[in-house]
């Protein structure tokens, strides 16, 4: 009778649905975390894009990128909720001064750490890149 009981415990499938339910919840939780992380990545991308767009509008008026416009870019990032120093945002733009009708560009990079799989021992590092261009609007008179 003791051997039958032990054999019955080993071959019994009681509790299997409970265990599979927990495993399903674990998988769903990981999928939800990944979805939230993707949404955060896209949100950071759009915030960086908005700051670039606003800065490009200034660059078109000022005919290029300089330290003053860099400060404006940093303030646009702060308004969007990104800290330019903590988030290690790099920005490069067409130097002043270009003539009206010439192309001005701005390029930014920001590292992003994908942390959703960190409990599983995985951590991904991505780089968010945004590049925009436009035409300078001011005509600069040449001095003779």
N, C-alpha and C. Protein backbone atom coordinates (compact mmCIF):
# COMPACT_ATOMS: atom_id res chain seq x y z
N UNK A 1 0.82 -1.18 0.00
CA UNK A 1 0.00 0.00 0.00
C UNK A 1 0.87 1.25 0.00
N UNK A 2 1.99 1.24 0.69
CA UNK A 2 2.89 2.38 0.73
C UNK A 2 3.51 2.67 -0.62
N UNK A 3 3.86 1.57 -1.35
CA UNK A 3 4.45 1.75 -2.66
C UNK A 3 3.43 2.30 -3.65
N UNK A 4 2.19 1.83 -3.55
CA UNK A 4 1.14 2.31 -4.45
C UNK A 4 0.88 3.80 -4.22
N UNK A 5 0.91 4.20 -2.98
CA UNK A 5 0.65 5.62 -2.65
C UNK A 5 1.78 6.51 -3.20
N UNK A 6 3.03 6.09 -3.02
CA UNK A 6 4.16 6.86 -3.55
C UNK A 6 4.11 6.91 -5.07
N UNK A 7 3.78 5.79 -5.69
CA UNK A 7 3.67 5.75 -7.14
C UNK A 7 2.53 6.64 -7.62
N UNK A 8 1.44 6.63 -6.87
CA UNK A 8 0.28 7.46 -7.20
C UNK A 8 0.64 8.95 -7.10
N UNK A 9 1.43 9.34 -6.11
CA UNK A 9 1.84 10.73 -5.97
C UNK A 9 2.73 11.17 -7.13
N UNK A 10 3.59 10.27 -7.59
CA UNK A 10 4.49 10.60 -8.69
C UNK A 10 3.76 10.71 -10.02
N UNK A 11 2.76 9.91 -10.24
CA UNK A 11 2.05 9.91 -11.52
C UNK A 11 0.82 10.79 -11.50
N UNK A 12 0.44 11.29 -10.36
CA UNK A 12 -0.75 12.13 -10.25
C UNK A 12 -0.50 13.48 -10.92
N UNK A 13 -1.52 14.00 -11.56
CA UNK A 13 -1.42 15.30 -12.22
C UNK A 13 -2.17 16.37 -11.43
N UNK A 14 -2.46 16.10 -10.20
CA UNK A 14 -3.13 17.10 -9.37
C UNK A 14 -2.17 18.27 -9.13
N UNK A 15 -2.67 19.47 -9.30
CA UNK A 15 -1.85 20.66 -9.10
C UNK A 15 -1.18 21.13 -10.36
N UNK A 16 -1.29 20.37 -11.44
CA UNK A 16 -0.64 20.77 -12.69
C UNK A 16 -1.26 22.04 -13.25
N UNK A 17 -2.56 22.19 -13.13
CA UNK A 17 -3.21 23.39 -13.65
C UNK A 17 -2.81 24.61 -12.83
N UNK A 18 -2.62 24.44 -11.55
CA UNK A 18 -2.19 25.54 -10.69
C UNK A 18 -0.80 26.01 -11.09
N UNK A 19 0.10 25.06 -11.34
CA UNK A 19 1.46 25.38 -11.73
C UNK A 19 1.50 26.03 -13.12
N UNK A 20 0.71 25.51 -14.04
CA UNK A 20 0.70 26.11 -15.37
C UNK A 20 0.07 27.50 -15.33
N UNK A 21 -0.86 27.74 -14.42
CA UNK A 21 -1.43 29.08 -14.25
C UNK A 21 -0.39 30.07 -13.77
N UNK A 22 0.45 29.66 -12.82
CA UNK A 22 1.53 30.53 -12.34
C UNK A 22 2.54 30.81 -13.45
N UNK A 23 2.87 29.79 -14.21
CA UNK A 23 3.82 29.97 -15.31
C UNK A 23 3.26 30.92 -16.36
N UNK A 24 1.97 30.79 -16.66
CA UNK A 24 1.32 31.69 -17.62
C UNK A 24 1.35 33.12 -17.11
N UNK A 25 1.10 33.31 -15.82
CA UNK A 25 1.15 34.66 -15.24
C UNK A 25 2.56 35.23 -15.34
N UNK A 26 3.57 34.42 -15.13
CA UNK A 26 4.96 34.88 -15.25
C UNK A 26 5.26 35.34 -16.67
N UNK A 27 4.86 34.54 -17.65
CA UNK A 27 5.10 34.90 -19.05
C UNK A 27 4.33 36.17 -19.41
N UNK A 28 3.08 36.29 -18.99
CA UNK A 28 2.29 37.49 -19.28
C UNK A 28 2.90 38.72 -18.62
N UNK A 29 3.41 38.58 -17.42
CA UNK A 29 4.05 39.71 -16.73
C UNK A 29 5.28 40.18 -17.50
N UNK A 30 6.08 39.25 -17.98
CA UNK A 30 7.27 39.61 -18.75
C UNK A 30 6.86 40.31 -20.05
N UNK A 31 5.83 39.80 -20.72
CA UNK A 31 5.35 40.44 -21.95
C UNK A 31 4.84 41.85 -21.67
N UNK A 32 4.13 42.04 -20.58
CA UNK A 32 3.64 43.38 -20.20
C UNK A 32 4.82 44.31 -19.91
N UNK A 33 5.83 43.83 -19.19
CA UNK A 33 7.02 44.65 -18.91
C UNK A 33 7.71 45.07 -20.21
N UNK A 34 7.82 44.15 -21.15
CA UNK A 34 8.44 44.47 -22.44
C UNK A 34 7.61 45.52 -23.18
N UNK A 35 6.29 45.38 -23.14
CA UNK A 35 5.42 46.36 -23.77
C UNK A 35 5.56 47.74 -23.16
N UNK A 36 5.66 47.81 -21.85
CA UNK A 36 5.85 49.09 -21.16
C UNK A 36 7.20 49.69 -21.54
N UNK A 37 8.21 48.86 -21.63
CA UNK A 37 9.55 49.34 -21.97
C UNK A 37 9.59 49.88 -23.40
N UNK A 38 8.90 49.22 -24.32
CA UNK A 38 8.83 49.72 -25.70
C UNK A 38 8.10 51.06 -25.74
N UNK A 39 7.02 51.19 -24.96
CA UNK A 39 6.30 52.47 -24.89
C UNK A 39 7.19 53.57 -24.33
N UNK A 40 8.01 53.26 -23.33
CA UNK A 40 8.94 54.26 -22.77
C UNK A 40 10.00 54.65 -23.79
N UNK A 41 10.48 53.69 -24.56
CA UNK A 41 11.46 53.97 -25.62
C UNK A 41 10.87 54.92 -26.65
N UNK A 42 9.65 54.62 -27.10
CA UNK A 42 9.00 55.48 -28.09
C UNK A 42 8.70 56.86 -27.53
N UNK A 43 8.34 56.92 -26.26
CA UNK A 43 8.09 58.22 -25.62
C UNK A 43 9.36 59.05 -25.57
N UNK A 44 10.48 58.43 -25.22
CA UNK A 44 11.76 59.15 -25.20
C UNK A 44 12.14 59.61 -26.60
N UNK A 45 11.88 58.77 -27.60
CA UNK A 45 12.18 59.14 -28.98
C UNK A 45 11.37 60.39 -29.38
N UNK A 46 10.08 60.38 -29.08
CA UNK A 46 9.24 61.52 -29.47
C UNK A 46 9.60 62.78 -28.70
N UNK A 47 9.99 62.64 -27.44
CA UNK A 47 10.42 63.82 -26.67
C UNK A 47 11.68 64.42 -27.28
N UNK A 48 12.61 63.57 -27.66
CA UNK A 48 13.84 64.05 -28.29
C UNK A 48 13.54 64.67 -29.66
N UNK A 49 12.61 64.09 -30.37
CA UNK A 49 12.22 64.62 -31.68
C UNK A 49 11.57 66.01 -31.56
N UNK A 50 10.73 66.20 -30.56
CA UNK A 50 10.09 67.50 -30.35
C UNK A 50 11.15 68.56 -30.02
N UNK A 51 12.10 68.22 -29.15
CA UNK A 51 13.16 69.17 -28.81
C UNK A 51 14.00 69.50 -30.04
N UNK A 52 14.27 68.52 -30.89
CA UNK A 52 15.03 68.77 -32.13
C UNK A 52 14.24 69.66 -33.08
N UNK A 53 12.95 69.42 -33.17
CA UNK A 53 12.12 70.22 -34.06
C UNK A 53 12.10 71.69 -33.64
N UNK A 54 11.94 71.93 -32.34
CA UNK A 54 11.94 73.30 -31.83
C UNK A 54 13.31 73.96 -32.04
N UNK A 55 14.36 73.21 -31.82
CA UNK A 55 15.71 73.75 -32.00
C UNK A 55 15.99 74.02 -33.48
N UNK A 56 15.50 73.15 -34.35
CA UNK A 56 15.69 73.37 -35.79
C UNK A 56 15.00 74.66 -36.24
N UNK A 57 13.84 74.95 -35.67
CA UNK A 57 13.16 76.21 -36.01
C UNK A 57 14.03 77.41 -35.64
N UNK A 58 14.68 77.34 -34.47
CA UNK A 58 15.60 78.41 -34.08
C UNK A 58 16.82 78.47 -34.99
N UNK A 59 17.33 77.30 -35.35
CA UNK A 59 18.50 77.25 -36.22
C UNK A 59 18.21 77.85 -37.59
N UNK A 60 17.01 77.65 -38.09
CA UNK A 60 16.64 78.23 -39.39
C UNK A 60 16.64 79.76 -39.31
N UNK A 61 16.15 80.28 -38.20
CA UNK A 61 16.10 81.74 -38.04
C UNK A 61 17.49 82.31 -37.81
N UNK A 62 18.30 81.61 -37.01
CA UNK A 62 19.64 82.10 -36.66
C UNK A 62 20.72 81.67 -37.66
N UNK A 63 20.35 80.88 -38.65
CA UNK A 63 21.27 80.40 -39.69
C UNK A 63 22.39 79.52 -39.15
N UNK A 64 22.10 78.69 -38.17
CA UNK A 64 23.10 77.75 -37.68
C UNK A 64 22.95 77.45 -36.20
N UNK A 65 23.90 76.66 -35.71
CA UNK A 65 23.89 76.15 -34.34
C UNK A 65 25.08 76.73 -33.59
N UNK A 66 24.84 77.25 -32.38
CA UNK A 66 25.92 77.76 -31.55
C UNK A 66 25.61 77.45 -30.08
N UNK A 67 26.41 77.98 -29.18
CA UNK A 67 26.26 77.68 -27.75
C UNK A 67 24.92 78.18 -27.20
N UNK A 68 24.46 79.31 -27.69
CA UNK A 68 23.18 79.85 -27.21
C UNK A 68 22.02 78.93 -27.62
N UNK A 69 22.06 78.44 -28.84
CA UNK A 69 21.01 77.52 -29.29
C UNK A 69 21.13 76.18 -28.58
N UNK A 70 22.35 75.78 -28.23
CA UNK A 70 22.54 74.55 -27.43
C UNK A 70 21.85 74.69 -26.08
N UNK A 71 21.93 75.86 -25.46
CA UNK A 71 21.24 76.10 -24.19
C UNK A 71 19.73 76.03 -24.38
N UNK A 72 19.25 76.56 -25.49
CA UNK A 72 17.81 76.46 -25.79
C UNK A 72 17.40 75.01 -25.98
N UNK A 73 18.24 74.22 -26.66
CA UNK A 73 17.96 72.80 -26.84
C UNK A 73 17.87 72.10 -25.49
N UNK A 74 18.82 72.41 -24.59
CA UNK A 74 18.79 71.81 -23.25
C UNK A 74 17.52 72.19 -22.50
N UNK A 75 17.07 73.44 -22.65
CA UNK A 75 15.84 73.85 -21.96
C UNK A 75 14.62 73.17 -22.59
N UNK A 76 14.63 72.95 -23.90
CA UNK A 76 13.54 72.21 -24.54
C UNK A 76 13.49 70.78 -24.01
N UNK A 77 14.67 70.17 -23.81
CA UNK A 77 14.71 68.81 -23.25
C UNK A 77 14.14 68.78 -21.84
N UNK A 78 14.47 69.79 -21.04
CA UNK A 78 13.96 69.84 -19.67
C UNK A 78 12.45 70.00 -19.65
N UNK A 79 11.91 70.79 -20.58
CA UNK A 79 10.46 70.94 -20.68
C UNK A 79 9.81 69.60 -21.03
N UNK A 80 10.49 68.81 -21.85
CA UNK A 80 9.98 67.50 -22.24
C UNK A 80 10.16 66.44 -21.15
N UNK A 81 10.91 66.77 -20.10
CA UNK A 81 11.11 65.83 -19.01
C UNK A 81 12.39 65.02 -19.12
N UNK A 82 13.29 65.42 -19.99
CA UNK A 82 14.58 64.74 -20.13
C UNK A 82 15.67 65.66 -19.59
N UNK A 83 16.58 65.10 -18.83
CA UNK A 83 17.72 65.87 -18.32
C UNK A 83 18.89 65.68 -19.29
N UNK A 84 19.35 66.75 -19.93
CA UNK A 84 20.40 66.59 -20.94
C UNK A 84 21.71 66.04 -20.40
N UNK A 85 22.01 66.26 -19.13
CA UNK A 85 23.27 65.79 -18.57
C UNK A 85 23.13 64.37 -18.03
N UNK A 86 22.05 64.11 -17.32
CA UNK A 86 21.85 62.77 -16.76
C UNK A 86 21.57 61.75 -17.87
N UNK A 87 20.82 62.15 -18.88
CA UNK A 87 20.49 61.24 -19.97
C UNK A 87 21.57 61.17 -21.04
N UNK A 88 22.65 61.93 -20.88
CA UNK A 88 23.80 61.92 -21.79
C UNK A 88 23.39 62.15 -23.24
N UNK A 89 22.65 63.23 -23.45
CA UNK A 89 22.20 63.58 -24.79
C UNK A 89 23.32 64.31 -25.52
N UNK A 90 23.65 63.85 -26.71
CA UNK A 90 24.66 64.50 -27.54
C UNK A 90 23.94 65.18 -28.70
N UNK A 91 24.36 66.41 -28.99
CA UNK A 91 23.74 67.15 -30.08
C UNK A 91 24.82 67.80 -30.94
N UNK A 92 24.63 67.73 -32.25
CA UNK A 92 25.54 68.35 -33.21
C UNK A 92 24.68 69.04 -34.26
N UNK A 93 25.06 70.27 -34.60
CA UNK A 93 24.31 71.00 -35.61
C UNK A 93 25.22 71.72 -36.57
N UNK A 94 24.65 72.21 -37.65
CA UNK A 94 25.39 73.00 -38.63
C UNK A 94 25.86 74.28 -37.98
N UNK A 95 27.14 74.54 -38.05
CA UNK A 95 27.72 75.72 -37.39
C UNK A 95 27.23 77.00 -38.06
N UNK A 96 27.17 78.07 -37.25
CA UNK A 96 26.81 79.38 -37.80
C UNK A 96 27.94 79.84 -38.69
N UNK A 97 27.78 80.64 -39.58
CA UNK A 97 26.58 81.15 -40.17
C UNK A 97 26.53 80.70 -41.62
N UNK A 98 25.39 80.18 -41.99
CA UNK A 98 25.18 79.78 -43.37
C UNK A 98 24.28 80.81 -44.04
N UNK A 99 24.30 80.83 -45.33
CA UNK A 99 23.52 81.81 -46.09
C UNK A 99 22.09 81.30 -46.28
N UNK A 100 21.19 82.23 -46.54
CA UNK A 100 19.78 81.89 -46.76
C UNK A 100 19.67 80.84 -47.87
N UNK A 101 18.82 79.84 -47.63
CA UNK A 101 18.61 78.79 -48.61
C UNK A 101 19.53 77.59 -48.46
N UNK A 102 20.57 77.72 -47.65
CA UNK A 102 21.47 76.58 -47.42
C UNK A 102 20.88 75.68 -46.33
N UNK A 103 21.31 74.44 -46.35
CA UNK A 103 20.75 73.44 -45.44
C UNK A 103 21.39 73.55 -44.06
N UNK A 104 20.54 73.55 -43.02
CA UNK A 104 21.01 73.43 -41.64
C UNK A 104 20.48 72.09 -41.11
N UNK A 105 21.33 71.37 -40.38
CA UNK A 105 20.93 70.07 -39.85
C UNK A 105 21.22 70.01 -38.36
N UNK A 106 20.47 69.17 -37.69
CA UNK A 106 20.71 68.88 -36.27
C UNK A 106 20.62 67.37 -36.11
N UNK A 107 21.58 66.82 -35.37
CA UNK A 107 21.61 65.38 -35.09
C UNK A 107 21.78 65.19 -33.59
N UNK A 108 20.97 64.32 -33.03
CA UNK A 108 21.07 64.03 -31.60
C UNK A 108 21.15 62.53 -31.38
N UNK A 109 21.79 62.18 -30.28
CA UNK A 109 21.89 60.79 -29.83
C UNK A 109 21.66 60.74 -28.34
N UNK A 110 20.96 59.70 -27.91
CA UNK A 110 20.74 59.50 -26.49
C UNK A 110 20.73 58.00 -26.22
N UNK A 111 21.56 57.53 -25.29
CA UNK A 111 21.53 56.10 -24.97
C UNK A 111 20.26 55.75 -24.19
N UNK A 112 19.75 54.55 -24.43
CA UNK A 112 18.57 54.08 -23.73
C UNK A 112 18.83 52.65 -23.27
N UNK A 113 18.60 52.39 -22.00
CA UNK A 113 18.81 51.06 -21.44
C UNK A 113 17.47 50.35 -21.34
N UNK A 114 17.36 49.22 -21.99
CA UNK A 114 16.15 48.40 -22.01
C UNK A 114 16.23 47.47 -20.80
N UNK A 115 15.48 47.79 -19.74
CA UNK A 115 15.63 47.10 -18.46
C UNK A 115 14.58 46.02 -18.19
N UNK A 116 13.66 45.78 -19.09
CA UNK A 116 12.55 44.87 -18.82
C UNK A 116 13.00 43.44 -18.54
N UNK A 117 14.09 43.02 -19.14
CA UNK A 117 14.56 41.65 -18.94
C UNK A 117 15.70 41.55 -17.93
N UNK A 118 15.93 42.61 -17.19
CA UNK A 118 17.02 42.60 -16.20
C UNK A 118 16.83 41.50 -15.14
N UNK A 119 15.61 41.22 -14.68
CA UNK A 119 15.46 40.11 -13.72
C UNK A 119 15.87 38.75 -14.29
N UNK A 120 15.87 38.63 -15.61
CA UNK A 120 16.29 37.38 -16.24
C UNK A 120 17.77 37.39 -16.61
N UNK A 121 18.47 38.46 -16.21
CA UNK A 121 19.90 38.55 -16.48
C UNK A 121 20.25 39.17 -17.81
N UNK A 122 19.28 39.75 -18.48
CA UNK A 122 19.52 40.38 -19.79
C UNK A 122 19.29 41.88 -19.66
N UNK A 123 20.16 42.66 -20.28
CA UNK A 123 20.00 44.12 -20.31
C UNK A 123 20.52 44.61 -21.65
N UNK A 124 19.67 45.32 -22.37
CA UNK A 124 20.04 45.80 -23.69
C UNK A 124 20.26 47.30 -23.66
N UNK A 125 21.24 47.75 -24.42
CA UNK A 125 21.53 49.18 -24.54
C UNK A 125 21.27 49.58 -25.99
N UNK A 126 20.35 50.50 -26.17
CA UNK A 126 20.01 51.01 -27.49
C UNK A 126 20.37 52.48 -27.56
N UNK A 127 20.51 53.00 -28.76
CA UNK A 127 20.78 54.42 -28.96
C UNK A 127 19.63 55.03 -29.74
N UNK A 128 19.05 56.07 -29.18
CA UNK A 128 17.99 56.80 -29.87
C UNK A 128 18.67 57.89 -30.70
N UNK A 129 18.42 57.87 -32.00
CA UNK A 129 19.02 58.87 -32.90
C UNK A 129 17.92 59.64 -33.61
N UNK A 130 18.08 60.96 -33.64
CA UNK A 130 17.15 61.82 -34.37
C UNK A 130 17.98 62.78 -35.22
N UNK A 131 17.61 62.91 -36.48
CA UNK A 131 18.28 63.85 -37.39
C UNK A 131 17.21 64.62 -38.14
N UNK A 132 17.37 65.93 -38.21
CA UNK A 132 16.43 66.79 -38.93
C UNK A 132 17.22 67.82 -39.72
N UNK A 133 16.60 68.29 -40.79
CA UNK A 133 17.25 69.32 -41.59
C UNK A 133 16.21 70.29 -42.13
N UNK A 134 16.68 71.47 -42.45
CA UNK A 134 15.82 72.51 -43.00
C UNK A 134 16.68 73.55 -43.71
N UNK A 135 16.04 74.58 -44.21
CA UNK A 135 16.76 75.62 -44.93
C UNK A 135 16.87 76.88 -44.08
N UNK A 136 18.04 77.49 -44.11
CA UNK A 136 18.25 78.75 -43.39
C UNK A 136 17.36 79.83 -44.01
N UNK A 137 16.84 80.74 -43.17
CA UNK A 137 15.86 81.70 -43.66
C UNK A 137 16.38 83.12 -43.77
N UNK A 138 17.42 83.46 -43.05
CA UNK A 138 17.90 84.84 -43.04
C UNK A 138 18.99 85.04 -44.09
N UNK A 139 18.90 86.17 -44.78
CA UNK A 139 19.94 86.54 -45.74
C UNK A 139 20.99 87.36 -45.01
N UNK A 140 22.23 86.94 -45.10
CA UNK A 140 23.32 87.65 -44.43
C UNK A 140 24.04 88.49 -45.47
N UNK A 141 24.05 89.78 -45.24
CA UNK A 141 24.70 90.69 -46.20
C UNK A 141 26.22 90.53 -46.11
N UNK A 142 26.83 90.49 -47.26
CA UNK A 142 28.29 90.39 -47.33
C UNK A 142 28.88 91.78 -47.19
N UNK A 143 29.88 91.93 -46.34
CA UNK A 143 30.55 93.22 -46.17
C UNK A 143 31.66 93.33 -47.21
N UNK A 144 31.71 94.46 -47.88
CA UNK A 144 32.73 94.67 -48.92
C UNK A 144 33.95 95.30 -48.35
